[in-house]
Amino acid sequence: MKGSWELLQADALEALPTLEANSVDAIVTDPPYGIGFRDEPWDTPGSNGSHRTGPASFEAWTTGWARECLRVLKPGGHVVAFGAPRTAHRLAAGIEDAGFELRDQLVWLYGSGVPKGRLEHGRSSTLKPAYEPILLARAPLAGTHDANEKRWGTGRLGVDDARIRGADRVEGRWPCNVTLSHAPRCRPKSCTPVCAVAMLDRSRPRVRPSRFFYCGKASISEREAGCEKLPARASAIYGLGGRKPRRNTHPTVKPLDLMRWLVRLVCPPEGVVLDPFAGSGSTGVAALQEGRRFVGVEQDPEYARITRARLTHAAGQARDAA
């Protein structure tokens, strides 16, 4: 890998076999969910080959890319993979079938999800989404935890790096498997009525449970930093209002604070993070901001352009701060 990042524009199943075995420290990714999200070609069953034409095929496809990820990961390296509530069990089974050990499932809570079903006479076929499961898995250790960490630098989570620090507890809280996001229109001292952070705190105002971890949804300025020279296209972005011209047109951009927290949790300092489904590059930007190197794979040309622009910008900021 040349420099601090590298992006391969290719299908993950074609690009992963070209990577060196035991060459990355962690994988943080947001793969297709196989649910036909907004009829996007990369997530619509049957629109991109036969690997997502049904639950069993989605699981088998997951095993295919996860098996290559296992080869590329160092022993004891962790995988963090976002999923959808409807297909997360297939994601977990596919990753486990590839040879990974399932370690946990984090829950990312937010209050700004949009119902996808229509309301007819007070009835609908769906609930409003308010969380995403995040699978945590690990490549088998080479011996004991101590031996694996001494040889490869992997196997354990970065608990101290991911602690949630607050004025009441200087040492910080041990990171847990629940994260929260503010609604996009929240402000530092006030939240919207649908904000998951505010709703959770209202349940026990003296304890304020949200102190474990929370972050804002990705703002427009965060999404488009580095994309100023790219053409603006009409794009509907849930929670940010209307169908307005945007330069980062990816519909599921994850917030950088969340991705940075995950990178600190699973990737050792100065390690290499891989994302085989880079999308618009949020994992890579987070990795660079946390002093890690990044390797990404993205097959869509438009999203690859957005990713390169964001990574170039993030790498420049990192150099200026050094």
C-alpha atoms as a PDB file:
ATOM      1  CA  MET A   1       0.000   0.000   0.000  1.00  0.00           C
ATOM      2  CA  LYS A   2       1.451   3.349  -1.072  1.00  0.00           C
ATOM      3  CA  GLY A   3       1.027   6.224   1.342  1.00  0.00           C
ATOM      4  CA  SER A   4      -1.662   6.380   3.989  1.00  0.00           C
ATOM      5  CA  TRP A   5      -4.526   4.994   1.872  1.00  0.00           C
ATOM      6  CA  GLU A   6      -5.365   2.952  -1.193  1.00  0.00           C
ATOM      7  CA  LEU A   7      -8.679   2.486  -3.001  1.00  0.00           C
ATOM      8  CA  LEU A   8      -9.391  -0.344  -5.434  1.00  0.00           C
ATOM      9  CA  GLN A   9     -12.305   0.220  -7.822  1.00  0.00           C
ATOM     10  CA  ALA A  10     -13.570  -3.336  -8.256  1.00  0.00           C
ATOM     11  CA  ASP A  11     -16.049  -5.889  -6.982  1.00  0.00           C
ATOM     12  CA  ALA A  12     -15.022  -7.029  -3.510  1.00  0.00           C
ATOM     13  CA  LEU A  13     -14.953 -10.705  -4.500  1.00  0.00           C
ATOM     14  CA  GLU A  14     -12.507  -9.844  -7.291  1.00  0.00           C
ATOM     15  CA  ALA A  15     -10.318  -7.396  -5.351  1.00  0.00           C
ATOM     16  CA  LEU A  16      -9.924  -9.199  -2.023  1.00  0.00           C
ATOM     17  CA  PRO A  17      -7.985 -12.181  -3.460  1.00  0.00           C
ATOM     18  CA  THR A  18      -5.331  -9.736  -4.735  1.00  0.00           C
ATOM     19  CA  LEU A  19      -4.513  -8.519  -1.211  1.00  0.00           C
ATOM     20  CA  GLU A  20      -1.672 -10.057   0.771  1.00  0.00           C
ATOM     21  CA  ALA A  21      -2.541 -12.587   3.483  1.00  0.00           C
ATOM     22  CA  ASN A  22      -2.334 -11.370   7.108  1.00  0.00           C
ATOM     23  CA  SER A  23      -1.825  -7.793   5.890  1.00  0.00           C
ATOM     24  CA  VAL A  24      -4.552  -5.825   7.705  1.00  0.00           C
ATOM     25  CA  ASP A  25      -5.292  -5.338  11.389  1.00  0.00           C
ATOM     26  CA  ALA A  26      -9.054  -4.754  11.324  1.00  0.00           C
ATOM     27  CA  ILE A  27     -12.054  -4.636   8.993  1.00  0.00           C
ATOM     28  CA  VAL A  28     -14.755  -1.995   9.457  1.00  0.00           C
ATOM     29  CA  THR A  29     -17.446  -2.164   6.787  1.00  0.00           C
ATOM     30  CA  ASP A  30     -21.039  -1.412   5.841  1.00  0.00           C
ATOM     31  CA  PRO A  31     -21.826  -4.150   3.298  1.00  0.00           C
ATOM     32  CA  PRO A  32     -25.007  -4.378   1.204  1.00  0.00           C
ATOM     33  CA  TYR A  33     -27.945  -5.560   3.325  1.00  0.00           C
ATOM     34  CA  GLY A  34     -29.767  -7.500   0.621  1.00  0.00           C
ATOM     35  CA  ILE A  35     -33.096  -5.754   1.308  1.00  0.00           C
ATOM     36  CA  GLY A  36     -33.496  -3.727  -1.884  1.00  0.00           C
ATOM     37  CA  PHE A  37     -32.778  -0.410  -0.163  1.00  0.00           C
ATOM     38  CA  ARG A  38     -34.386   2.369  -2.270  1.00  0.00           C
ATOM     39  CA  ASP A  39     -33.989   0.049  -5.296  1.00  0.00           C
ATOM     40  CA  GLU A  40     -30.249   0.793  -5.303  1.00  0.00           C
ATOM     41  CA  PRO A  41     -28.505  -1.572  -7.772  1.00  0.00           C
ATOM     42  CA  TRP A  42     -25.929  -2.628  -5.159  1.00  0.00           C
ATOM     43  CA  ASP A  43     -28.652  -3.731  -2.740  1.00  0.00           C
ATOM     44  CA  THR A  44     -31.544  -4.860  -4.934  1.00  0.00           C
ATOM     45  CA  PRO A  45     -32.020  -8.642  -5.108  1.00  0.00           C
ATOM     46  CA  GLY A  46     -31.270 -10.011  -8.543  1.00  0.00           C
ATOM     47  CA  SER A  47     -29.953  -6.759 -10.017  1.00  0.00           C
ATOM     48  CA  ASN A  48     -26.255  -7.538  -9.635  1.00  0.00           C
ATOM     49  CA  GLY A  49     -25.856 -11.237 -10.354  1.00  0.00           C
ATOM     50  CA  SER A  50     -27.450 -14.090  -8.461  1.00  0.00           C
ATOM     51  CA  HIS A  51     -25.793 -13.657  -5.069  1.00  0.00           C
ATOM     52  CA  ARG A  52     -28.608 -11.610  -3.511  1.00  0.00           C
ATOM     53  CA  THR A  53     -31.707 -13.289  -4.915  1.00  0.00           C
ATOM     54  CA  GLY A  54     -32.826 -14.667  -1.549  1.00  0.00           C
ATOM     55  CA  PRO A  55     -31.838 -15.066   2.105  1.00  0.00           C
ATOM     56  CA  ALA A  56     -29.758 -18.209   1.568  1.00  0.00           C
ATOM     57  CA  SER A  57     -27.961 -16.676  -1.421  1.00  0.00           C
ATOM     58  CA  PHE A  58     -27.239 -13.512   0.565  1.00  0.00           C
ATOM     59  CA  GLU A  59     -25.749 -15.635   3.341  1.00  0.00           C
ATOM     60  CA  ALA A  60     -23.608 -17.617   0.878  1.00  0.00           C
ATOM     61  CA  TRP A  61     -22.426 -14.383  -0.774  1.00  0.00           C
ATOM     62  CA  THR A  62     -21.496 -13.045   2.671  1.00  0.00           C
ATOM     63  CA  THR A  63     -19.469 -16.183   3.366  1.00  0.00           C
ATOM     64  CA  GLY A  64     -17.594 -15.623   0.101  1.00  0.00           C
ATOM     65  CA  TRP A  65     -16.310 -12.159   0.913  1.00  0.00           C
ATOM     66  CA  ALA A  66     -15.863 -12.951   4.619  1.00  0.00           C
ATOM     67  CA  ARG A  67     -13.665 -15.944   3.794  1.00  0.00           C
ATOM     68  CA  GLU A  68     -11.331 -13.693   1.825  1.00  0.00           C
ATOM     69  CA  CYS A  69     -11.379 -11.174   4.671  1.00  0.00           C
ATOM     70  CA  LEU A  70     -10.314 -13.928   7.062  1.00  0.00           C
ATOM     71  CA  ARG A  71      -7.324 -14.668   4.831  1.00  0.00           C
ATOM     72  CA  VAL A  72      -6.329 -11.012   4.632  1.00  0.00           C
ATOM     73  CA  LEU A  73      -6.762 -10.314   8.361  1.00  0.00           C
ATOM     74  CA  LYS A  74      -4.043 -10.981  10.884  1.00  0.00           C
ATOM     75  CA  PRO A  75      -4.888 -13.702  13.443  1.00  0.00           C
ATOM     76  CA  GLY A  76      -7.036 -12.154  16.167  1.00  0.00           C
ATOM     77  CA  GLY A  77      -8.071  -9.270  13.943  1.00  0.00           C
ATOM     78  CA  HIS A  78     -11.616  -7.988  14.387  1.00  0.00           C
ATOM     79  CA  VAL A  79     -14.408  -7.428  11.881  1.00  0.00           C
ATOM     80  CA  VAL A  80     -17.086  -4.791  12.443  1.00  0.00           C
ATOM     81  CA  ALA A  81     -19.971  -5.102   9.964  1.00  0.00           C
ATOM     82  CA  PHE A  82     -23.176  -3.063   9.881  1.00  0.00           C
ATOM     83  CA  GLY A  83     -26.364  -4.935   9.069  1.00  0.00           C
ATOM     84  CA  ALA A  84     -30.119  -4.570   8.731  1.00  0.00           C
ATOM     85  CA  PRO A  85     -32.495  -6.012  11.351  1.00  0.00           C
ATOM     86  CA  ARG A  86     -34.126  -8.230   8.691  1.00  0.00           C
ATOM     87  CA  THR A  87     -30.902  -9.800   7.407  1.00  0.00           C
ATOM     88  CA  ALA A  88     -28.418  -9.440  10.297  1.00  0.00           C
ATOM     89  CA  HIS A  89     -28.860 -13.105  11.214  1.00  0.00           C
ATOM     90  CA  ARG A  90     -27.831 -14.114   7.691  1.00  0.00           C
ATOM     91  CA  LEU A  91     -24.873 -11.722   7.881  1.00  0.00           C
ATOM     92  CA  ALA A  92     -23.790 -13.295  11.181  1.00  0.00           C
ATOM     93  CA  ALA A  93     -24.211 -16.853   9.901  1.00  0.00           C
ATOM     94  CA  GLY A  94     -22.278 -16.068   6.717  1.00  0.00           C
ATOM     95  CA  ILE A  95     -19.374 -14.527   8.620  1.00  0.00           C
ATOM     96  CA  GLU A  96     -19.338 -17.402  11.104  1.00  0.00           C
ATOM     97  CA  ASP A  97     -19.400 -19.963   8.275  1.00  0.00           C
ATOM     98  CA  ALA A  98     -16.309 -18.259   6.844  1.00  0.00           C
ATOM     99  CA  GLY A  99     -14.379 -19.167   9.996  1.00  0.00           C
ATOM    100  CA  PHE A 100     -14.774 -16.116  12.214  1.00  0.00           C
ATOM    101  CA  GLU A 101     -15.700 -16.211  15.896  1.00  0.00           C
ATOM    102  CA  LEU A 102     -18.814 -14.162  16.679  1.00  0.00           C
ATOM    103  CA  ARG A 103     -17.947 -11.942  19.641  1.00  0.00           C
ATOM    104  CA  ASP A 104     -20.865  -9.530  20.098  1.00  0.00           C
ATOM    105  CA  GLN A 105     -23.558  -7.498  18.396  1.00  0.00           C
ATOM    106  CA  LEU A 106     -23.601  -3.763  18.969  1.00  0.00           C
ATOM    107  CA  VAL A 107     -26.798  -1.746  18.592  1.00  0.00           C
ATOM    108  CA  TRP A 108     -26.669   1.723  17.035  1.00  0.00           C
ATOM    109  CA  LEU A 109     -29.736   3.691  18.118  1.00  0.00           C
ATOM    110  CA  TYR A 110     -31.113   6.798  16.432  1.00  0.00           C
ATOM    111  CA  GLY A 111     -34.447   8.574  16.350  1.00  0.00           C
ATOM    112  CA  SER A 112     -34.435  10.000  12.830  1.00  0.00           C
ATOM    113  CA  GLY A 113     -35.303   6.931  10.754  1.00  0.00           C
ATOM    114  CA  VAL A 114     -38.029   7.272   8.119  1.00  0.00           C
ATOM    115  CA  PRO A 115     -40.822   4.653   7.755  1.00  0.00           C
ATOM    116  CA  LYS A 116     -40.553   2.937   4.368  1.00  0.00           C
ATOM    117  CA  GLY A 117     -44.159   1.661   4.233  1.00  0.00           C
ATOM    118  CA  ARG A 118     -47.267   3.628   3.266  1.00  0.00           C
ATOM    119  CA  LEU A 119     -49.979   4.418   5.807  1.00  0.00           C
ATOM    120  CA  GLU A 120     -53.408   3.200   4.684  1.00  0.00           C
ATOM    121  CA  HIS A 121     -56.376   3.764   7.023  1.00  0.00           C
ATOM    122  CA  GLY A 122     -54.095   3.805  10.070  1.00  0.00           C
ATOM    123  CA  ARG A 123     -52.255   0.612   9.078  1.00  0.00           C
ATOM    124  CA  SER A 124     -48.908  -0.098   7.418  1.00  0.00           C
ATOM    125  CA  SER A 125     -46.560  -2.959   6.614  1.00  0.00           C
ATOM    126  CA  THR A 126     -43.502  -1.564   8.429  1.00  0.00           C
ATOM    127  CA  LEU A 127     -42.272   0.059  11.624  1.00  0.00           C
ATOM    128  CA  LYS A 128     -40.110   3.177  11.710  1.00  0.00           C
ATOM    129  CA  PRO A 129     -36.426   2.122  11.836  1.00  0.00           C
ATOM    130  CA  ALA A 130     -34.559   3.363  14.900  1.00  0.00           C
ATOM    131  CA  TYR A 131     -31.510   1.103  15.141  1.00  0.00           C
ATOM    132  CA  GLU A 132     -28.934  -0.826  13.145  1.00  0.00           C
ATOM    133  CA  PRO A 133     -27.154  -3.947  14.391  1.00  0.00           C
ATOM    134  CA  ILE A 134     -23.352  -3.931  14.138  1.00  0.00           C
ATOM    135  CA  LEU A 135     -21.743  -7.359  14.164  1.00  0.00           C
ATOM    136  CA  LEU A 136     -18.438  -7.824  15.989  1.00  0.00           C
ATOM    137  CA  ALA A 137     -16.415 -10.906  14.999  1.00  0.00           C
ATOM    138  CA  ARG A 138     -12.793 -11.985  15.329  1.00  0.00           C
ATOM    139  CA  ALA A 139     -10.358 -14.109  13.359  1.00  0.00           C
ATOM    140  CA  PRO A 140      -9.180 -17.122  15.408  1.00  0.00           C
ATOM    141  CA  LEU A 141      -6.224 -16.445  17.687  1.00  0.00           C
ATOM    142  CA  ALA A 142      -2.809 -17.927  17.055  1.00  0.00           C
ATOM    143  CA  GLY A 143      -2.342 -19.337  20.555  1.00  0.00           C
ATOM    144  CA  THR A 144      -3.184 -17.344  23.679  1.00  0.00           C
ATOM    145  CA  HIS A 145      -4.256 -13.728  23.804  1.00  0.00           C
ATOM    146  CA  ASP A 146      -0.794 -12.715  25.022  1.00  0.00           C
ATOM    147  CA  ALA A 147       1.040 -14.730  22.370  1.00  0.00           C
ATOM    148  CA  ASN A 148      -1.216 -13.476  19.583  1.00  0.00           C
ATOM    149  CA  GLU A 149      -0.899  -9.850  20.639  1.00  0.00           C
ATOM    150  CA  LYS A 150       2.890 -10.132  20.964  1.00  0.00           C
ATOM    151  CA  ARG A 151       3.227 -11.615  17.454  1.00  0.00           C
ATOM    152  CA  TRP A 152       0.502  -9.783  15.528  1.00  0.00           C
ATOM    153  CA  GLY A 153      -0.600  -6.846  17.710  1.00  0.00           C
ATOM    154  CA  THR A 154      -4.232  -7.978  17.522  1.00  0.00           C
ATOM    155  CA  GLY A 155      -6.744 -10.046  19.491  1.00  0.00           C
ATOM    156  CA  ARG A 156      -7.922  -7.556  22.097  1.00  0.00           C
ATOM    157  CA  LEU A 157     -10.186  -4.516  21.857  1.00  0.00           C
ATOM    158  CA  GLY A 158      -8.916  -0.982  22.470  1.00  0.00           C
ATOM    159  CA  VAL A 159     -10.964  -0.415  25.610  1.00  0.00           C
ATOM    160  CA  ASP A 160      -9.015   2.583  26.921  1.00  0.00           C
ATOM    161  CA  ASP A 161      -8.950   4.249  23.486  1.00  0.00           C
ATOM    162  CA  ALA A 162     -12.738   3.843  23.173  1.00  0.00           C
ATOM    163  CA  ARG A 163     -13.735   4.871  26.714  1.00  0.00           C
ATOM    164  CA  ILE A 164     -16.470   7.482  26.963  1.00  0.00           C
ATOM    165  CA  ARG A 165     -15.056  10.221  29.117  1.00  0.00           C
ATOM    166  CA  GLY A 166     -17.152  12.726  31.028  1.00  0.00           C
ATOM    167  CA  ALA A 167     -16.769  15.352  33.705  1.00  0.00           C
ATOM    168  CA  ASP A 168     -18.278  13.079  36.345  1.00  0.00           C
ATOM    169  CA  ARG A 169     -15.920  10.168  35.639  1.00  0.00           C
ATOM    170  CA  VAL A 170     -12.445  11.250  34.586  1.00  0.00           C
ATOM    171  CA  GLU A 171     -11.300   7.718  33.802  1.00  0.00           C
ATOM    172  CA  GLY A 172     -14.194   7.193  31.388  1.00  0.00           C
ATOM    173  CA  ARG A 173     -16.790   4.475  31.015  1.00  0.00           C
ATOM    174  CA  TRP A 174     -15.908   1.027  29.709  1.00  0.00           C
ATOM    175  CA  PRO A 175     -17.260   0.932  26.117  1.00  0.00           C
ATOM    176  CA  CYS A 176     -20.467  -1.052  25.806  1.00  0.00           C
ATOM    177  CA  ASN A 177     -22.410  -2.606  22.951  1.00  0.00           C
ATOM    178  CA  VAL A 178     -24.968   0.202  22.579  1.00  0.00           C
ATOM    179  CA  THR A 179     -24.308   3.461  20.713  1.00  0.00           C
ATOM    180  CA  LEU A 180     -26.654   6.369  20.019  1.00  0.00           C
ATOM    181  CA  SER A 181     -26.934   9.177  17.491  1.00  0.00           C
ATOM    182  CA  HIS A 182     -28.412  12.624  17.841  1.00  0.00           C
ATOM    183  CA  ALA A 183     -30.985  13.629  15.253  1.00  0.00           C
ATOM    184  CA  PRO A 184     -29.506  15.791  12.431  1.00  0.00           C
ATOM    185  CA  ARG A 185     -31.149  18.997  13.674  1.00  0.00           C
ATOM    186  CA  CYS A 186     -30.061  18.681  17.318  1.00  0.00           C
ATOM    187  CA  ARG A 187     -27.943  21.465  18.780  1.00  0.00           C
ATOM    188  CA  PRO A 188     -25.329  21.313  21.591  1.00  0.00           C
ATOM    189  CA  LYS A 189     -27.815  22.408  24.250  1.00  0.00           C
ATOM    190  CA  SER A 190     -31.119  21.239  22.784  1.00  0.00           C
ATOM    191  CA  CYS A 191     -32.427  18.130  21.060  1.00  0.00           C
ATOM    192  CA  THR A 192     -35.363  17.554  18.742  1.00  0.00           C
ATOM    193  CA  PRO A 193     -38.305  15.578  20.197  1.00  0.00           C
ATOM    194  CA  VAL A 194     -37.382  12.462  18.165  1.00  0.00           C
ATOM    195  CA  CYS A 195     -33.724  12.360  19.228  1.00  0.00           C
ATOM    196  CA  ALA A 196     -32.768   8.938  20.651  1.00  0.00           C
ATOM    197  CA  VAL A 197     -30.298  10.544  23.065  1.00  0.00           C
ATOM    198  CA  ALA A 198     -32.920  12.868  24.561  1.00  0.00           C
ATOM    199  CA  MET A 199     -35.566  10.135  24.742  1.00  0.00           C
ATOM    200  CA  LEU A 200     -33.224   7.809  26.599  1.00  0.00           C
ATOM    201  CA  ASP A 201     -32.123  10.515  29.043  1.00  0.00           C
ATOM    202  CA  ARG A 202     -35.729  11.493  29.772  1.00  0.00           C
ATOM    203  CA  SER A 203     -36.316   7.980  31.084  1.00  0.00           C
ATOM    204  CA  ARG A 204     -33.758   8.498  33.885  1.00  0.00           C
ATOM    205  CA  PRO A 205     -32.722  12.171  33.950  1.00  0.00           C
ATOM    206  CA  ARG A 206     -30.453  11.854  36.996  1.00  0.00           C
ATOM    207  CA  VAL A 207     -28.434   8.992  35.515  1.00  0.00           C
ATOM    208  CA  ARG A 208     -28.412  10.176  31.861  1.00  0.00           C
ATOM    209  CA  PRO A 209     -27.870   6.764  30.252  1.00  0.00           C
ATOM    210  CA  SER A 210     -26.770   8.322  26.951  1.00  0.00           C
ATOM    211  CA  ARG A 211     -23.373   9.105  28.438  1.00  0.00           C
ATOM    212  CA  PHE A 212     -22.140   5.694  27.293  1.00  0.00           C
ATOM    213  CA  PHE A 213     -21.636   6.927  23.719  1.00  0.00           C
ATOM    214  CA  TYR A 214     -23.455   9.166  21.308  1.00  0.00           C
ATOM    215  CA  CYS A 215     -22.751  11.113  18.162  1.00  0.00           C
ATOM    216  CA  GLY A 216     -24.602  13.184  15.613  1.00  0.00           C
ATOM    217  CA  LYS A 217     -25.799  11.909  12.258  1.00  0.00           C
ATOM    218  CA  ALA A 218     -23.523  12.885   9.362  1.00  0.00           C
ATOM    219  CA  SER A 219     -24.127  16.550   8.503  1.00  0.00           C
ATOM    220  CA  ILE A 220     -23.969  17.948   4.967  1.00  0.00           C
ATOM    221  CA  SER A 221     -20.621  19.645   5.666  1.00  0.00           C
ATOM    222  CA  GLU A 222     -19.187  16.387   7.038  1.00  0.00           C
ATOM    223  CA  ARG A 223     -20.479  14.357   4.099  1.00  0.00           C
ATOM    224  CA  GLU A 224     -19.062  16.707   1.483  1.00  0.00           C
ATOM    225  CA  ALA A 225     -15.703  17.775   2.935  1.00  0.00           C
ATOM    226  CA  GLY A 226     -13.223  17.304   0.098  1.00  0.00           C
ATOM    227  CA  CYS A 227     -15.929  16.937  -2.579  1.00  0.00           C
ATOM    228  CA  GLU A 228     -16.107  20.606  -3.543  1.00  0.00           C
ATOM    229  CA  LYS A 229     -14.821  19.975  -7.091  1.00  0.00           C
ATOM    230  CA  LEU A 230     -17.245  17.129  -7.799  1.00  0.00           C
ATOM    231  CA  PRO A 231     -20.501  17.810  -9.676  1.00  0.00           C
ATOM    232  CA  ALA A 232     -23.642  18.293  -7.593  1.00  0.00           C
ATOM    233  CA  ARG A 233     -26.504  15.882  -8.318  1.00  0.00           C
ATOM    234  CA  ALA A 234     -30.083  15.759  -7.072  1.00  0.00           C
ATOM    235  CA  SER A 235     -30.252  13.327  -4.170  1.00  0.00           C
ATOM    236  CA  ALA A 236     -32.790  12.612  -1.444  1.00  0.00           C
ATOM    237  CA  ILE A 237     -30.977  12.298   1.881  1.00  0.00           C
ATOM    238  CA  TYR A 238     -33.212  11.178   4.731  1.00  0.00           C
ATOM    239  CA  GLY A 239     -33.187  13.572   7.660  1.00  0.00           C
ATOM    240  CA  LEU A 240     -31.411  16.399   5.815  1.00  0.00           C
ATOM    241  CA  GLY A 241     -34.414  17.703   3.933  1.00  0.00           C
ATOM    242  CA  GLY A 242     -35.749  17.341   0.417  1.00  0.00           C
ATOM    243  CA  ARG A 243     -34.202  16.300  -2.856  1.00  0.00           C
ATOM    244  CA  LYS A 244     -31.410  18.822  -3.174  1.00  0.00           C
ATOM    245  CA  PRO A 245     -28.216  18.833  -5.250  1.00  0.00           C
ATOM    246  CA  ARG A 246     -25.417  17.124  -3.315  1.00  0.00           C
ATOM    247  CA  ARG A 247     -21.854  16.216  -4.171  1.00  0.00           C
ATOM    248  CA  ASN A 248     -21.808  13.178  -1.908  1.00  0.00           C
ATOM    249  CA  THR A 249     -24.839  11.305  -3.225  1.00  0.00           C
ATOM    250  CA  HIS A 250     -24.427   8.112  -1.215  1.00  0.00           C
ATOM    251  CA  PRO A 251     -27.699   7.485   0.684  1.00  0.00           C
ATOM    252  CA  THR A 252     -26.267   5.763   3.788  1.00  0.00           C
ATOM    253  CA  VAL A 253     -23.274   7.840   4.912  1.00  0.00           C
ATOM    254  CA  LYS A 254     -22.285   6.890   8.466  1.00  0.00           C
ATOM    255  CA  PRO A 255     -21.295   9.614  10.976  1.00  0.00           C
ATOM    256  CA  LEU A 256     -17.549  10.039  11.371  1.00  0.00           C
ATOM    257  CA  ASP A 257     -17.672  10.150  15.173  1.00  0.00           C
ATOM    258  CA  LEU A 258     -19.236   6.688  15.185  1.00  0.00           C
ATOM    259  CA  MET A 259     -16.748   5.317  12.642  1.00  0.00           C
ATOM    260  CA  ARG A 260     -13.779   6.833  14.498  1.00  0.00           C
ATOM    261  CA  TRP A 261     -14.982   5.220  17.725  1.00  0.00           C
ATOM    262  CA  LEU A 262     -15.249   1.835  16.015  1.00  0.00           C
ATOM    263  CA  VAL A 263     -11.778   2.231  14.491  1.00  0.00           C
ATOM    264  CA  ARG A 264     -10.283   3.005  17.899  1.00  0.00           C
ATOM    265  CA  LEU A 265     -12.083   0.019  19.367  1.00  0.00           C
ATOM    266  CA  VAL A 266     -10.899  -2.644  16.913  1.00  0.00           C
ATOM    267  CA  CYS A 267      -7.727  -1.407  15.190  1.00  0.00           C
ATOM    268  CA  PRO A 268      -4.404  -1.107  17.043  1.00  0.00           C
ATOM    269  CA  PRO A 269      -2.654   2.283  16.821  1.00  0.00           C
ATOM    270  CA  GLU A 270      -0.961   2.850  13.431  1.00  0.00           C
ATOM    271  CA  GLY A 271      -2.607  -0.328  12.090  1.00  0.00           C
ATOM    272  CA  VAL A 272      -4.297  -0.932   8.749  1.00  0.00           C
ATOM    273  CA  VAL A 273      -8.096  -0.825   8.357  1.00  0.00           C
ATOM    274  CA  LEU A 274      -9.802  -2.563   5.421  1.00  0.00           C
ATOM    275  CA  ASP A 275     -13.276  -1.775   4.087  1.00  0.00           C
ATOM    276  CA  PRO A 276     -14.308  -4.083   1.212  1.00  0.00           C
ATOM    277  CA  PHE A 277     -17.497  -2.017   0.655  1.00  0.00           C
ATOM    278  CA  ALA A 278     -16.153   1.522   0.959  1.00  0.00           C
ATOM    279  CA  GLY A 279     -19.250   3.384  -0.296  1.00  0.00           C
ATOM    280  CA  SER A 280     -18.429   7.090   0.043  1.00  0.00           C
ATOM    281  CA  GLY A 281     -15.375   6.452   2.218  1.00  0.00           C
ATOM    282  CA  SER A 282     -16.477   7.215   5.781  1.00  0.00           C
ATOM    283  CA  THR A 283     -14.481   4.274   7.204  1.00  0.00           C
ATOM    284  CA  GLY A 284     -11.361   5.484   5.414  1.00  0.00           C
ATOM    285  CA  VAL A 285     -11.758   9.085   6.551  1.00  0.00           C
ATOM    286  CA  ALA A 286     -12.230   7.884  10.123  1.00  0.00           C
ATOM    287  CA  ALA A 287      -9.165   5.639   9.885  1.00  0.00           C
ATOM    288  CA  LEU A 288      -6.973   8.489   8.625  1.00  0.00           C
ATOM    289  CA  GLN A 289      -8.278  10.829  11.308  1.00  0.00           C
ATOM    290  CA  GLU A 290      -7.339   8.235  13.925  1.00  0.00           C
ATOM    291  CA  GLY A 291      -3.803   7.786  12.590  1.00  0.00           C
ATOM    292  CA  ARG A 292      -4.446   4.437  10.898  1.00  0.00           C
ATOM    293  CA  ARG A 293      -3.800   3.451   7.297  1.00  0.00           C
ATOM    294  CA  PHE A 294      -6.650   2.444   5.026  1.00  0.00           C
ATOM    295  CA  VAL A 295      -7.377   0.047   2.175  1.00  0.00           C
ATOM    296  CA  GLY A 296     -10.797   0.288   0.526  1.00  0.00           C
ATOM    297  CA  VAL A 297     -12.691  -1.479  -2.243  1.00  0.00           C
ATOM    298  CA  GLU A 298     -15.630   0.107  -4.067  1.00  0.00           C
ATOM    299  CA  GLN A 299     -17.149  -1.065  -7.345  1.00  0.00           C
ATOM    300  CA  ASP A 300     -19.399   1.924  -8.158  1.00  0.00           C
ATOM    301  CA  PRO A 301     -17.453   4.560 -10.184  1.00  0.00           C
ATOM    302  CA  GLU A 302     -19.407   7.523  -8.785  1.00  0.00           C
ATOM    303  CA  TYR A 303     -18.958   6.452  -5.182  1.00  0.00           C
ATOM    304  CA  ALA A 304     -15.273   5.679  -5.843  1.00  0.00           C
ATOM    305  CA  ARG A 305     -14.774   9.284  -7.040  1.00  0.00           C
ATOM    306  CA  ILE A 306     -16.445  10.582  -3.888  1.00  0.00           C
ATOM    307  CA  THR A 307     -14.305   8.303  -1.725  1.00  0.00           C
ATOM    308  CA  ARG A 308     -11.054   9.413  -3.375  1.00  0.00           C
ATOM    309  CA  ALA A 309     -11.987  13.073  -2.907  1.00  0.00           C
ATOM    310  CA  ARG A 310     -12.835  12.591   0.772  1.00  0.00           C
ATOM    311  CA  LEU A 311      -9.709  10.512   1.460  1.00  0.00           C
ATOM    312  CA  THR A 312      -7.452  13.019  -0.284  1.00  0.00           C
ATOM    313  CA  HIS A 313      -8.954  15.776   1.833  1.00  0.00           C
ATOM    314  CA  ALA A 314      -8.627  13.774   5.072  1.00  0.00           C
ATOM    315  CA  ALA A 315      -5.024  12.794   4.310  1.00  0.00           C
ATOM    316  CA  GLY A 316      -4.179  16.442   3.665  1.00  0.00           C
ATOM    317  CA  GLN A 317      -5.700  17.478   6.977  1.00  0.00           C
ATOM    318  CA  ALA A 318      -3.711  14.760   8.747  1.00  0.00           C
ATOM    319  CA  ARG A 319      -0.466  15.990   7.173  1.00  0.00           C
ATOM    320  CA  ASP A 320      -1.229  19.593   8.135  1.00  0.00           C
ATOM    321  CA  ALA A 321      -1.884  18.551  11.725  1.00  0.00           C
ATOM    322  CA  ALA A 322       1.326  16.521  11.997  1.00  0.00           C
END
